[in-house]
Amino acid sequence: MARPRRVPPEALQPYLIDLPHPRSPRWRELRRTPVKLDWPALFGNDRPVHVEVGFGKGMFLINASRARPDLNFLGIELERKYVLLTAARLAKQPCPNVRLACTDARWLLKECVAPESVAALHIYFPDPWWKQRHQKRKLFTAEFAEQCARVLAPGGVLHFVTDVEAYFDETCAMVVERGLARQSEETPAAEFLTNFERKYRQQGRPIFRARFVKASVGIGRGS
């Protein structure tokens, strides 16, 4: 059996954004001088930007970006092995409308992304981090929900999916409190499901999903 074709490191570079990583010895220093992301400069065009937080092995990100060449996609993932794996898959079938960031999504949204500059956020199956000592790793907090509302453009959409009902209810309440309107969302076609969702559906687990839309005029509590 032939071995899979190996992708040279230079072929990965067009997809990778150079950003500090929380496990870097210089993280505390580098995070204080964040790089402000310029979407037209990053992608070479002014198409709408979709951001996926925690893309794992990249199934949704790859399929969605190939299905919608009229959009730009930024994937954020903390695990470097998954970032390199996804970059290699993209390089084998070039997909110029994708960029990958290996860093903390909470920091990136807060410090590097301009207000009202993102058309959609995709957040699928974040780890609930049940134990109290792990709470600092939890993605959805009140502050993160605030940042989601801040970076979304008017009319922008937040897609959220989880298999944990308590996490779903808690997150929905936080997002709605930040001024985004909750709507129901149908299950997309199979090619737009993540690896997690495919596995969980085979196991018969319940899946909870919602979409939240930012008002075209004004955001926040009381708007």
N, C-alpha and C. Protein backbone atom coordinates (compact mmCIF):
# COMPACT_ATOMS: atom_id res chain seq x y z
N MET A 1 0.85 -1.19 0.00
CA MET A 1 0.00 0.00 0.00
C MET A 1 0.89 1.25 0.00
N ALA A 2 0.57 2.17 -0.87
CA ALA A 2 1.36 3.39 -0.97
C ALA A 2 1.14 4.28 0.25
N ARG A 3 2.20 4.93 0.71
CA ARG A 3 2.08 5.86 1.82
C ARG A 3 1.41 7.15 1.36
N PRO A 4 0.66 7.83 2.26
CA PRO A 4 0.07 9.12 1.89
C PRO A 4 1.15 10.12 1.52
N ARG A 5 0.85 10.92 0.54
CA ARG A 5 1.82 11.92 0.09
C ARG A 5 2.06 12.95 1.20
N ARG A 6 3.35 13.11 1.54
CA ARG A 6 3.69 14.06 2.60
C ARG A 6 3.73 15.47 2.05
N VAL A 7 3.19 16.39 2.83
CA VAL A 7 3.15 17.79 2.40
C VAL A 7 4.36 18.52 2.97
N PRO A 8 5.17 19.17 2.14
CA PRO A 8 6.34 19.89 2.65
C PRO A 8 5.93 21.08 3.51
N PRO A 9 6.72 21.42 4.51
CA PRO A 9 6.36 22.52 5.43
C PRO A 9 6.04 23.83 4.73
N GLU A 10 6.75 24.13 3.66
CA GLU A 10 6.51 25.40 2.97
C GLU A 10 5.12 25.48 2.35
N ALA A 11 4.52 24.31 2.06
CA ALA A 11 3.18 24.30 1.49
C ALA A 11 2.12 24.64 2.52
N LEU A 12 2.47 24.52 3.81
CA LEU A 12 1.53 24.82 4.89
C LEU A 12 1.48 26.31 5.22
N GLN A 13 2.57 27.01 4.93
CA GLN A 13 2.71 28.38 5.37
C GLN A 13 1.61 29.34 4.91
N PRO A 14 1.10 29.22 3.69
CA PRO A 14 0.04 30.16 3.27
C PRO A 14 -1.20 30.12 4.15
N TYR A 15 -1.38 29.03 4.88
CA TYR A 15 -2.59 28.89 5.69
C TYR A 15 -2.39 29.30 7.14
N LEU A 16 -1.16 29.47 7.58
CA LEU A 16 -0.86 29.67 9.00
C LEU A 16 -0.61 31.13 9.33
N ILE A 17 -1.25 31.60 10.40
CA ILE A 17 -1.02 32.95 10.91
C ILE A 17 -0.06 32.86 12.09
N ASP A 18 0.94 33.67 12.10
CA ASP A 18 1.94 33.66 13.16
C ASP A 18 1.42 34.44 14.37
N LEU A 19 0.94 33.71 15.38
CA LEU A 19 0.41 34.33 16.59
C LEU A 19 0.99 33.61 17.81
N PRO A 20 1.09 34.28 18.95
CA PRO A 20 1.64 33.63 20.14
C PRO A 20 0.72 32.54 20.66
N HIS A 21 1.31 31.53 21.28
CA HIS A 21 0.56 30.41 21.83
C HIS A 21 0.65 30.43 23.35
N PRO A 22 -0.43 30.09 24.05
CA PRO A 22 -0.40 30.13 25.52
C PRO A 22 0.66 29.26 26.17
N ARG A 23 1.13 28.23 25.45
CA ARG A 23 2.17 27.37 26.04
C ARG A 23 3.57 27.89 25.74
N SER A 24 3.67 28.98 25.02
CA SER A 24 4.98 29.57 24.73
C SER A 24 5.56 30.20 25.99
N PRO A 25 6.88 30.07 26.21
CA PRO A 25 7.51 30.71 27.37
C PRO A 25 7.31 32.23 27.38
N ARG A 26 7.08 32.81 26.20
CA ARG A 26 6.94 34.27 26.10
C ARG A 26 5.48 34.71 26.00
N TRP A 27 4.55 33.82 26.32
CA TRP A 27 3.13 34.13 26.16
C TRP A 27 2.72 35.40 26.89
N ARG A 28 3.10 35.53 28.14
CA ARG A 28 2.69 36.71 28.92
C ARG A 28 3.19 38.00 28.30
N GLU A 29 4.38 37.94 27.75
CA GLU A 29 4.96 39.12 27.11
C GLU A 29 4.28 39.41 25.77
N LEU A 30 4.14 38.38 24.94
CA LEU A 30 3.62 38.57 23.58
C LEU A 30 2.14 38.93 23.56
N ARG A 31 1.38 38.43 24.50
CA ARG A 31 -0.06 38.69 24.49
C ARG A 31 -0.37 40.16 24.77
N ARG A 32 0.61 40.88 25.33
CA ARG A 32 0.39 42.29 25.63
C ARG A 32 0.52 43.18 24.39
N THR A 33 1.11 42.64 23.32
CA THR A 33 1.25 43.42 22.09
C THR A 33 0.60 42.65 20.94
N PRO A 34 -0.74 42.53 20.97
CA PRO A 34 -1.43 41.71 19.98
C PRO A 34 -1.36 42.28 18.57
N VAL A 35 -1.42 41.38 17.60
CA VAL A 35 -1.48 41.75 16.19
C VAL A 35 -2.94 41.98 15.84
N LYS A 36 -3.26 43.16 15.32
CA LYS A 36 -4.63 43.44 14.90
C LYS A 36 -4.84 42.84 13.51
N LEU A 37 -5.79 41.93 13.40
CA LEU A 37 -6.02 41.25 12.13
C LEU A 37 -6.73 42.17 11.14
N ASP A 38 -6.15 42.27 9.96
CA ASP A 38 -6.71 43.07 8.87
C ASP A 38 -7.23 42.08 7.83
N TRP A 39 -8.55 41.89 7.78
CA TRP A 39 -9.10 40.86 6.91
C TRP A 39 -8.72 41.01 5.44
N PRO A 40 -8.88 42.19 4.83
CA PRO A 40 -8.49 42.33 3.40
C PRO A 40 -7.01 42.02 3.16
N ALA A 41 -6.15 42.41 4.11
CA ALA A 41 -4.73 42.12 3.96
C ALA A 41 -4.46 40.63 4.14
N LEU A 42 -5.17 40.00 5.06
CA LEU A 42 -4.95 38.59 5.37
C LEU A 42 -5.42 37.68 4.23
N PHE A 43 -6.58 38.01 3.63
CA PHE A 43 -7.15 37.14 2.61
C PHE A 43 -6.97 37.67 1.18
N GLY A 44 -6.58 38.94 1.06
CA GLY A 44 -6.40 39.50 -0.28
C GLY A 44 -7.70 39.90 -0.94
N ASN A 45 -8.77 40.03 -0.15
CA ASN A 45 -10.07 40.46 -0.68
C ASN A 45 -10.92 40.96 0.48
N ASP A 46 -12.11 41.48 0.17
CA ASP A 46 -12.98 42.01 1.21
C ASP A 46 -14.26 41.19 1.39
N ARG A 47 -14.18 39.88 1.12
CA ARG A 47 -15.35 39.03 1.29
C ARG A 47 -15.68 38.85 2.78
N PRO A 48 -16.92 38.51 3.10
CA PRO A 48 -17.30 38.28 4.50
C PRO A 48 -16.46 37.19 5.15
N VAL A 49 -16.22 37.36 6.44
CA VAL A 49 -15.35 36.43 7.18
C VAL A 49 -16.18 35.59 8.15
N HIS A 50 -15.99 34.27 8.09
CA HIS A 50 -16.56 33.34 9.06
C HIS A 50 -15.42 32.82 9.93
N VAL A 51 -15.67 32.70 11.22
CA VAL A 51 -14.66 32.23 12.16
C VAL A 51 -15.17 30.96 12.86
N GLU A 52 -14.35 29.89 12.81
CA GLU A 52 -14.68 28.69 13.59
C GLU A 52 -13.73 28.59 14.77
N VAL A 53 -14.29 28.48 15.96
CA VAL A 53 -13.51 28.37 17.18
C VAL A 53 -13.40 26.90 17.57
N GLY A 54 -12.18 26.39 17.63
CA GLY A 54 -11.96 25.00 17.99
C GLY A 54 -12.32 24.06 16.87
N PHE A 55 -11.57 24.11 15.76
CA PHE A 55 -11.96 23.34 14.58
C PHE A 55 -11.51 21.89 14.60
N GLY A 56 -10.72 21.48 15.60
CA GLY A 56 -10.32 20.08 15.70
C GLY A 56 -9.60 19.59 14.46
N LYS A 57 -10.09 18.50 13.87
CA LYS A 57 -9.46 17.94 12.68
C LYS A 57 -9.89 18.64 11.39
N GLY A 58 -10.74 19.66 11.52
CA GLY A 58 -11.00 20.55 10.39
C GLY A 58 -12.08 20.12 9.41
N MET A 59 -12.91 19.14 9.76
CA MET A 59 -13.88 18.64 8.79
C MET A 59 -14.86 19.72 8.34
N PHE A 60 -15.49 20.42 9.31
CA PHE A 60 -16.43 21.48 8.93
C PHE A 60 -15.71 22.58 8.19
N LEU A 61 -14.58 23.02 8.71
CA LEU A 61 -13.86 24.15 8.14
C LEU A 61 -13.48 23.88 6.68
N ILE A 62 -12.96 22.70 6.41
CA ILE A 62 -12.54 22.36 5.06
C ILE A 62 -13.73 22.27 4.11
N ASN A 63 -14.77 21.55 4.51
CA ASN A 63 -15.92 21.37 3.63
C ASN A 63 -16.68 22.67 3.40
N ALA A 64 -16.84 23.46 4.46
CA ALA A 64 -17.57 24.72 4.32
C ALA A 64 -16.82 25.71 3.44
N SER A 65 -15.50 25.78 3.60
CA SER A 65 -14.72 26.73 2.80
C SER A 65 -14.70 26.35 1.33
N ARG A 66 -14.71 25.06 1.03
CA ARG A 66 -14.72 24.63 -0.37
C ARG A 66 -16.09 24.81 -1.00
N ALA A 67 -17.14 24.68 -0.17
CA ALA A 67 -18.49 24.87 -0.68
C ALA A 67 -18.82 26.35 -0.89
N ARG A 68 -18.12 27.23 -0.15
CA ARG A 68 -18.41 28.67 -0.23
C ARG A 68 -17.14 29.47 -0.53
N PRO A 69 -16.68 29.42 -1.77
CA PRO A 69 -15.49 30.19 -2.14
C PRO A 69 -15.73 31.70 -2.10
N ASP A 70 -16.98 32.11 -1.96
CA ASP A 70 -17.31 33.53 -1.87
C ASP A 70 -17.14 34.07 -0.46
N LEU A 71 -16.76 33.20 0.49
CA LEU A 71 -16.53 33.62 1.87
C LEU A 71 -15.08 33.34 2.26
N ASN A 72 -14.62 34.04 3.28
CA ASN A 72 -13.32 33.76 3.89
C ASN A 72 -13.55 33.07 5.23
N PHE A 73 -12.64 32.14 5.60
CA PHE A 73 -12.77 31.38 6.84
C PHE A 73 -11.49 31.46 7.65
N LEU A 74 -11.64 31.81 8.92
CA LEU A 74 -10.55 31.74 9.87
C LEU A 74 -10.87 30.65 10.87
N GLY A 75 -9.97 29.68 11.02
CA GLY A 75 -10.12 28.64 12.03
C GLY A 75 -9.17 28.89 13.18
N ILE A 76 -9.67 28.75 14.41
CA ILE A 76 -8.84 28.95 15.60
C ILE A 76 -8.82 27.63 16.38
N GLU A 77 -7.64 27.15 16.69
CA GLU A 77 -7.49 25.86 17.39
C GLU A 77 -6.26 25.92 18.28
N LEU A 78 -6.41 25.44 19.51
CA LEU A 78 -5.31 25.49 20.47
C LEU A 78 -4.28 24.38 20.25
N GLU A 79 -4.73 23.23 19.75
CA GLU A 79 -3.83 22.08 19.59
C GLU A 79 -3.07 22.16 18.26
N ARG A 80 -1.76 22.29 18.36
CA ARG A 80 -0.94 22.48 17.16
C ARG A 80 -1.03 21.30 16.19
N LYS A 81 -1.13 20.08 16.71
CA LYS A 81 -1.18 18.92 15.82
C LYS A 81 -2.39 18.98 14.91
N TYR A 82 -3.51 19.50 15.41
CA TYR A 82 -4.70 19.61 14.58
C TYR A 82 -4.58 20.75 13.57
N VAL A 83 -3.89 21.80 13.97
CA VAL A 83 -3.66 22.91 13.04
C VAL A 83 -2.81 22.44 11.86
N LEU A 84 -1.74 21.71 12.15
CA LEU A 84 -0.86 21.22 11.08
C LEU A 84 -1.56 20.18 10.22
N LEU A 85 -2.37 19.33 10.84
CA LEU A 85 -3.12 18.33 10.09
C LEU A 85 -4.09 19.00 9.12
N THR A 86 -4.81 19.99 9.59
CA THR A 86 -5.77 20.70 8.74
C THR A 86 -5.07 21.48 7.64
N ALA A 87 -3.94 22.12 7.97
CA ALA A 87 -3.18 22.84 6.95
C ALA A 87 -2.70 21.90 5.86
N ALA A 88 -2.28 20.70 6.25
CA ALA A 88 -1.82 19.72 5.26
C ALA A 88 -2.97 19.30 4.35
N ARG A 89 -4.14 19.10 4.90
CA ARG A 89 -5.29 18.73 4.09
C ARG A 89 -5.67 19.85 3.12
N LEU A 90 -5.58 21.07 3.59
CA LEU A 90 -5.88 22.21 2.73
C LEU A 90 -4.85 22.33 1.60
N ALA A 91 -3.61 22.07 1.92
CA ALA A 91 -2.54 22.21 0.93
C ALA A 91 -2.65 21.16 -0.17
N LYS A 92 -3.17 19.98 0.14
CA LYS A 92 -3.29 18.93 -0.87
C LYS A 92 -4.32 19.28 -1.94
N GLN A 93 -5.33 20.02 -1.55
CA GLN A 93 -6.32 20.53 -2.48
C GLN A 93 -6.47 22.02 -2.18
N PRO A 94 -5.62 22.85 -2.76
CA PRO A 94 -5.52 24.26 -2.37
C PRO A 94 -6.87 24.96 -2.19
N CYS A 95 -6.95 25.65 -1.07
CA CYS A 95 -8.18 26.34 -0.68
C CYS A 95 -7.79 27.74 -0.19
N PRO A 96 -7.71 28.72 -1.08
CA PRO A 96 -7.13 30.02 -0.73
C PRO A 96 -7.94 30.87 0.23
N ASN A 97 -9.17 30.47 0.54
CA ASN A 97 -10.01 31.31 1.41
C ASN A 97 -10.01 30.87 2.87
N VAL A 98 -8.94 30.16 3.30
CA VAL A 98 -8.84 29.70 4.68
C VAL A 98 -7.52 30.15 5.30
N ARG A 99 -7.60 30.59 6.57
CA ARG A 99 -6.41 30.83 7.37
C ARG A 99 -6.60 30.16 8.72
N LEU A 100 -5.50 29.73 9.34
CA LEU A 100 -5.55 29.00 10.60
C LEU A 100 -4.72 29.71 11.66
N ALA A 101 -5.27 29.80 12.85
CA ALA A 101 -4.57 30.43 13.97
C ALA A 101 -4.46 29.43 15.12
N CYS A 102 -3.24 29.17 15.56
CA CYS A 102 -2.99 28.25 16.67
C CYS A 102 -2.76 29.08 17.93
N THR A 103 -3.84 29.40 18.63
CA THR A 103 -3.75 30.25 19.80
C THR A 103 -5.03 30.13 20.62
N ASP A 104 -5.13 30.94 21.67
CA ASP A 104 -6.30 30.98 22.53
C ASP A 104 -7.38 31.83 21.87
N ALA A 105 -8.52 31.25 21.55
CA ALA A 105 -9.59 31.98 20.86
C ALA A 105 -10.13 33.13 21.70
N ARG A 106 -10.15 32.97 23.01
CA ARG A 106 -10.66 34.03 23.87
C ARG A 106 -9.80 35.27 23.75
N TRP A 107 -8.48 35.07 23.77
CA TRP A 107 -7.56 36.20 23.61
C TRP A 107 -7.65 36.78 22.20
N LEU A 108 -7.70 35.93 21.19
CA LEU A 108 -7.71 36.41 19.81
C LEU A 108 -8.92 37.29 19.52
N LEU A 109 -10.12 36.83 19.92
CA LEU A 109 -11.32 37.62 19.66
C LEU A 109 -11.25 38.97 20.39
N LYS A 110 -10.77 38.94 21.61
CA LYS A 110 -10.75 40.15 22.42
C LYS A 110 -9.71 41.16 21.94
N GLU A 111 -8.53 40.67 21.60
CA GLU A 111 -7.41 41.57 21.35
C GLU A 111 -7.07 41.78 19.88
N CYS A 112 -7.44 40.87 19.00
CA CYS A 112 -6.96 40.92 17.62
C CYS A 112 -8.03 41.19 16.57
N VAL A 113 -9.30 41.05 16.94
CA VAL A 113 -10.38 41.17 15.96
C VAL A 113 -11.13 42.47 16.17
N ALA A 114 -11.31 43.22 15.09
CA ALA A 114 -11.98 44.51 15.16
C ALA A 114 -13.47 44.34 15.43
N PRO A 115 -14.09 45.32 16.08
CA PRO A 115 -15.53 45.25 16.33
C PRO A 115 -16.32 45.15 15.02
N GLU A 116 -17.38 44.38 15.05
CA GLU A 116 -18.34 44.29 13.95
C GLU A 116 -17.67 43.96 12.61
N SER A 117 -16.69 43.04 12.65
CA SER A 117 -15.95 42.71 11.43
C SER A 117 -16.13 41.25 10.99
N VAL A 118 -16.94 40.49 11.73
CA VAL A 118 -17.11 39.06 11.45
C VAL A 118 -18.55 38.78 11.05
N ALA A 119 -18.74 38.07 9.94
CA ALA A 119 -20.09 37.77 9.46
C ALA A 119 -20.73 36.62 10.23
N ALA A 120 -19.92 35.64 10.67
CA ALA A 120 -20.48 34.50 11.40
C ALA A 120 -19.41 33.85 12.27
N LEU A 121 -19.85 33.35 13.42
CA LEU A 121 -19.02 32.57 14.32
C LEU A 121 -19.60 31.15 14.39
N HIS A 122 -18.72 30.15 14.30
CA HIS A 122 -19.12 28.75 14.39
C HIS A 122 -18.43 28.14 15.59
N ILE A 123 -19.21 27.70 16.57
CA ILE A 123 -18.63 27.13 17.79
C ILE A 123 -19.33 25.80 18.05
N TYR A 124 -18.60 24.71 17.80
CA TYR A 124 -19.20 23.39 17.84
C TYR A 124 -18.51 22.49 18.87
N PHE A 125 -19.29 22.01 19.82
CA PHE A 125 -18.85 21.03 20.81
C PHE A 125 -17.64 21.47 21.64
N PRO A 126 -17.69 22.68 22.22
CA PRO A 126 -16.60 23.05 23.13
C PRO A 126 -16.62 22.16 24.37
N ASP A 127 -15.45 21.90 24.92
CA ASP A 127 -15.35 21.06 26.12
C ASP A 127 -16.04 21.77 27.29
N PRO A 128 -16.96 21.10 28.00
CA PRO A 128 -17.65 21.77 29.12
C PRO A 128 -16.79 21.98 30.36
N TRP A 129 -15.67 21.27 30.50
CA TRP A 129 -14.77 21.42 31.65
C TRP A 129 -15.56 21.44 32.96
N TRP A 130 -16.08 20.28 33.34
CA TRP A 130 -16.95 20.20 34.50
C TRP A 130 -16.25 20.50 35.83
N LYS A 131 -15.01 20.04 36.00
CA LYS A 131 -14.35 20.17 37.30
C LYS A 131 -14.04 21.63 37.62
N GLN A 132 -14.21 21.98 38.89
CA GLN A 132 -14.02 23.36 39.31
C GLN A 132 -12.61 23.86 39.00
N ARG A 133 -11.61 23.00 39.15
CA ARG A 133 -10.24 23.45 38.92
C ARG A 133 -9.96 23.70 37.42
N HIS A 134 -10.86 23.25 36.56
CA HIS A 134 -10.68 23.44 35.12
C HIS A 134 -11.53 24.59 34.57
N GLN A 135 -12.27 25.27 35.43
CA GLN A 135 -13.19 26.30 34.95
C GLN A 135 -12.49 27.41 34.16
N LYS A 136 -11.23 27.67 34.47
CA LYS A 136 -10.52 28.74 33.76
C LYS A 136 -10.31 28.39 32.29
N ARG A 137 -10.44 27.09 31.94
CA ARG A 137 -10.27 26.68 30.55
C ARG A 137 -11.58 26.74 29.75
N LYS A 138 -12.67 26.95 30.44
CA LYS A 138 -13.97 26.91 29.79
C LYS A 138 -14.08 28.03 28.76
N LEU A 139 -14.57 27.69 27.59
CA LEU A 139 -14.65 28.68 26.51
C LEU A 139 -15.74 29.70 26.77
N PHE A 140 -16.97 29.23 26.94
CA PHE A 140 -18.09 30.16 27.06
C PHE A 140 -18.22 30.66 28.48
N THR A 141 -17.86 31.92 28.66
CA THR A 141 -18.05 32.65 29.89
C THR A 141 -18.80 33.93 29.51
N ALA A 142 -19.18 34.70 30.49
CA ALA A 142 -19.85 35.96 30.20
C ALA A 142 -18.96 36.87 29.35
N GLU A 143 -17.65 36.87 29.65
CA GLU A 143 -16.73 37.72 28.89
C GLU A 143 -16.61 37.26 27.44
N PHE A 144 -16.55 35.93 27.23
CA PHE A 144 -16.45 35.43 25.87
C PHE A 144 -17.72 35.73 25.09
N ALA A 145 -18.88 35.57 25.72
CA ALA A 145 -20.14 35.92 25.06
C ALA A 145 -20.15 37.39 24.67
N GLU A 146 -19.59 38.23 25.52
CA GLU A 146 -19.50 39.66 25.22
C GLU A 146 -18.64 39.90 23.99
N GLN A 147 -17.52 39.19 23.89
CA GLN A 147 -16.64 39.34 22.75
C GLN A 147 -17.29 38.84 21.45
N CYS A 148 -18.07 37.77 21.55
CA CYS A 148 -18.80 37.28 20.37
C CYS A 148 -19.74 38.37 19.86
N ALA A 149 -20.48 38.99 20.77
CA ALA A 149 -21.39 40.06 20.38
C ALA A 149 -20.63 41.25 19.81
N ARG A 150 -19.47 41.53 20.34
CA ARG A 150 -18.68 42.69 19.89
C ARG A 150 -18.16 42.51 18.48
N VAL A 151 -17.63 41.34 18.16
CA VAL A 151 -16.97 41.16 16.86
C VAL A 151 -17.95 40.90 15.72
N LEU A 152 -19.16 40.44 16.03
CA LEU A 152 -20.13 40.16 14.97
C LEU A 152 -20.62 41.46 14.33
N ALA A 153 -20.70 41.45 13.01
CA ALA A 153 -21.26 42.57 12.28
C ALA A 153 -22.77 42.60 12.48
N PRO A 154 -23.41 43.75 12.29
CA PRO A 154 -24.87 43.78 12.35
C PRO A 154 -25.47 42.75 11.39
N GLY A 155 -26.39 41.95 11.88
CA GLY A 155 -26.94 40.87 11.08
C GLY A 155 -26.10 39.61 11.11
N GLY A 156 -24.96 39.65 11.81
CA GLY A 156 -24.07 38.49 11.89
C GLY A 156 -24.68 37.38 12.74
N VAL A 157 -24.17 36.16 12.55
CA VAL A 157 -24.77 34.98 13.15
C VAL A 157 -23.74 34.20 13.98
N LEU A 158 -24.16 33.76 15.15
CA LEU A 158 -23.38 32.82 15.97
C LEU A 158 -24.07 31.47 15.92
N HIS A 159 -23.36 30.44 15.43
CA HIS A 159 -23.86 29.07 15.41
C HIS A 159 -23.23 28.32 16.58
N PHE A 160 -24.06 27.70 17.41
CA PHE A 160 -23.56 27.00 18.59
C PHE A 160 -24.18 25.61 18.66
N VAL A 161 -23.34 24.58 18.87
CA VAL A 161 -23.80 23.20 18.97
C VAL A 161 -23.04 22.50 20.10
N THR A 162 -23.77 21.70 20.89
CA THR A 162 -23.16 20.91 21.94
C THR A 162 -24.02 19.68 22.21
N ASP A 163 -23.43 18.69 22.87
CA ASP A 163 -24.20 17.51 23.27
C ASP A 163 -24.50 17.56 24.76
N VAL A 164 -24.18 18.66 25.42
CA VAL A 164 -24.39 18.81 26.86
C VAL A 164 -25.50 19.82 27.10
N GLU A 165 -26.65 19.34 27.57
CA GLU A 165 -27.82 20.21 27.69
C GLU A 165 -27.58 21.35 28.68
N ALA A 166 -26.93 21.07 29.81
CA ALA A 166 -26.69 22.13 30.79
C ALA A 166 -25.80 23.23 30.22
N TYR A 167 -24.78 22.83 29.46
CA TYR A 167 -23.89 23.81 28.83
C TYR A 167 -24.67 24.62 27.79
N PHE A 168 -25.54 23.93 27.05
CA PHE A 168 -26.36 24.60 26.04
C PHE A 168 -27.25 25.67 26.69
N ASP A 169 -27.95 25.31 27.74
CA ASP A 169 -28.87 26.26 28.39
C ASP A 169 -28.10 27.44 28.97
N GLU A 170 -26.98 27.15 29.60
CA GLU A 170 -26.16 28.21 30.21
C GLU A 170 -25.63 29.17 29.15
N THR A 171 -25.14 28.61 28.06
CA THR A 171 -24.57 29.44 26.99
C THR A 171 -25.65 30.27 26.30
N CYS A 172 -26.78 29.66 26.02
CA CYS A 172 -27.87 30.39 25.36
C CYS A 172 -28.29 31.60 26.19
N ALA A 173 -28.39 31.41 27.50
CA ALA A 173 -28.79 32.52 28.38
C ALA A 173 -27.77 33.65 28.33
N MET A 174 -26.47 33.32 28.34
CA MET A 174 -25.43 34.34 28.30
C MET A 174 -25.44 35.11 26.99
N VAL A 175 -25.62 34.39 25.89
CA VAL A 175 -25.57 35.04 24.57
C VAL A 175 -26.78 35.95 24.38
N VAL A 176 -27.96 35.48 24.77
CA VAL A 176 -29.17 36.30 24.64
C VAL A 176 -29.07 37.55 25.50
N GLU A 177 -28.45 37.40 26.67
CA GLU A 177 -28.28 38.55 27.56
C GLU A 177 -27.40 39.63 26.92
N ARG A 178 -26.55 39.21 26.00
CA ARG A 178 -25.69 40.17 25.31
C ARG A 178 -26.35 40.78 24.08
N GLY A 179 -27.64 40.56 23.89
CA GLY A 179 -28.37 41.26 22.85
C GLY A 179 -28.56 40.51 21.55
N LEU A 180 -28.15 39.24 21.48
CA LEU A 180 -28.33 38.46 20.26
C LEU A 180 -29.65 37.68 20.36
N ALA A 181 -30.38 37.64 19.26
CA ALA A 181 -31.68 36.97 19.25
C ALA A 181 -31.49 35.50 18.92
N ARG A 182 -32.05 34.62 19.75
CA ARG A 182 -31.92 33.19 19.52
C ARG A 182 -32.95 32.69 18.50
N GLN A 183 -32.50 31.83 17.61
CA GLN A 183 -33.37 31.20 16.63
C GLN A 183 -33.06 29.70 16.60
N SER A 184 -34.04 28.92 16.18
CA SER A 184 -33.78 27.49 16.01
C SER A 184 -32.97 27.28 14.75
N GLU A 185 -32.26 26.16 14.68
CA GLU A 185 -31.43 25.87 13.51
C GLU A 185 -31.54 24.40 13.15
N GLU A 186 -31.84 24.14 11.90
CA GLU A 186 -31.95 22.77 11.44
C GLU A 186 -30.57 22.14 11.30
N THR A 187 -30.52 20.83 11.39
CA THR A 187 -29.26 20.11 11.21
C THR A 187 -28.81 20.24 9.76
N PRO A 188 -27.58 20.66 9.52
CA PRO A 188 -27.10 20.83 8.14
C PRO A 188 -26.84 19.49 7.47
N ALA A 189 -26.52 19.55 6.19
CA ALA A 189 -26.18 18.34 5.44
C ALA A 189 -24.96 17.68 6.08
N ALA A 190 -24.82 16.36 5.84
CA ALA A 190 -23.79 15.56 6.51
C ALA A 190 -22.39 16.12 6.31
N GLU A 191 -22.09 16.67 5.13
CA GLU A 191 -20.73 17.15 4.88
C GLU A 191 -20.37 18.37 5.71
N PHE A 192 -21.37 19.02 6.32
CA PHE A 192 -21.10 20.19 7.14
C PHE A 192 -21.18 19.88 8.64
N LEU A 193 -21.15 18.61 8.98
CA LEU A 193 -21.09 18.20 10.38
C LEU A 193 -19.64 18.00 10.78
N THR A 194 -19.35 18.26 12.05
CA THR A 194 -18.00 18.03 12.56
C THR A 194 -17.80 16.53 12.80
N ASN A 195 -16.55 16.14 13.03
CA ASN A 195 -16.26 14.76 13.40
C ASN A 195 -17.00 14.36 14.67
N PHE A 196 -17.04 15.29 15.64
CA PHE A 196 -17.73 15.01 16.89
C PHE A 196 -19.21 14.72 16.65
N GLU A 197 -19.86 15.56 15.84
CA GLU A 197 -21.29 15.36 15.65
C GLU A 197 -21.59 14.06 14.92
N ARG A 198 -20.78 13.71 13.94
CA ARG A 198 -20.99 12.44 13.25
C ARG A 198 -20.88 11.26 14.23
N LYS A 199 -19.86 11.31 15.07
CA LYS A 199 -19.66 10.23 16.04
C LYS A 199 -20.80 10.19 17.04
N TYR A 200 -21.18 11.34 17.57
CA TYR A 200 -22.22 11.38 18.58
C TYR A 200 -23.58 10.95 18.04
N ARG A 201 -23.85 11.28 16.80
CA ARG A 201 -25.12 10.86 16.20
C ARG A 201 -25.16 9.35 16.04
N GLN A 202 -24.03 8.76 15.67
CA GLN A 202 -23.95 7.30 15.56
C GLN A 202 -24.18 6.64 16.91
N GLN A 203 -23.75 7.32 17.98
CA GLN A 203 -23.92 6.79 19.33
C GLN A 203 -25.31 7.07 19.90
N GLY A 204 -26.09 7.85 19.19
CA GLY A 204 -27.44 8.17 19.65
C GLY A 204 -27.52 9.26 20.68
N ARG A 205 -26.47 10.05 20.83
CA ARG A 205 -26.50 11.13 21.81
C ARG A 205 -27.42 12.26 21.33
N PRO A 206 -28.07 12.95 22.26
CA PRO A 206 -28.86 14.13 21.88
C PRO A 206 -27.92 15.28 21.49
N ILE A 207 -28.31 16.04 20.50
CA ILE A 207 -27.52 17.18 20.03
C ILE A 207 -28.37 18.44 20.19
N PHE A 208 -27.77 19.47 20.77
CA PHE A 208 -28.48 20.73 21.00
C PHE A 208 -27.82 21.81 20.13
N ARG A 209 -28.61 22.50 19.34
CA ARG A 209 -28.05 23.51 18.44
C ARG A 209 -28.95 24.74 18.39
N ALA A 210 -28.31 25.88 18.19
CA ALA A 210 -29.05 27.14 18.07
C ALA A 210 -28.22 28.11 17.25
N ARG A 211 -28.90 29.07 16.69
CA ARG A 211 -28.23 30.19 16.01
C ARG A 211 -28.69 31.47 16.67
N PHE A 212 -27.79 32.43 16.75
CA PHE A 212 -28.08 33.71 17.37
C PHE A 212 -27.74 34.80 16.37
N VAL A 213 -28.63 35.76 16.22
CA VAL A 213 -28.45 36.81 15.22
C VAL A 213 -28.30 38.15 15.92
N LYS A 214 -27.30 38.89 15.50
CA LYS A 214 -27.10 40.23 16.05
C LYS A 214 -28.00 41.22 15.32
N ALA A 215 -28.64 42.06 16.06
CA ALA A 215 -29.55 43.03 15.47
C ALA A 215 -28.81 43.91 14.47
N SER A 216 -29.52 44.31 13.43
CA SER A 216 -28.91 45.15 12.40
C SER A 216 -28.53 46.52 12.93
N VAL A 217 -29.24 46.98 13.97
CA VAL A 217 -28.94 48.29 14.56
C VAL A 217 -28.86 48.12 16.06
N GLY A 218 -27.68 48.43 16.62
CA GLY A 218 -27.53 48.42 18.07
C GLY A 218 -27.37 47.03 18.64
N ILE A 219 -26.57 46.89 19.68
CA ILE A 219 -26.40 45.63 20.39
C ILE A 219 -26.39 45.88 21.87
N GLY A 220 -26.37 44.80 22.61
CA GLY A 220 -26.17 44.90 24.05
C GLY A 220 -27.47 44.90 24.81
N ARG A 221 -27.38 44.90 26.12
CA ARG A 221 -28.53 44.89 26.98
C ARG A 221 -29.29 46.19 26.81
N GLY A 222 -30.58 46.08 26.71
CA GLY A 222 -31.40 47.27 26.60
C GLY A 222 -31.47 47.87 25.24
N SER A 223 -30.81 47.30 24.24
CA SER A 223 -30.86 47.86 22.89
C SER A 223 -32.05 47.28 22.15
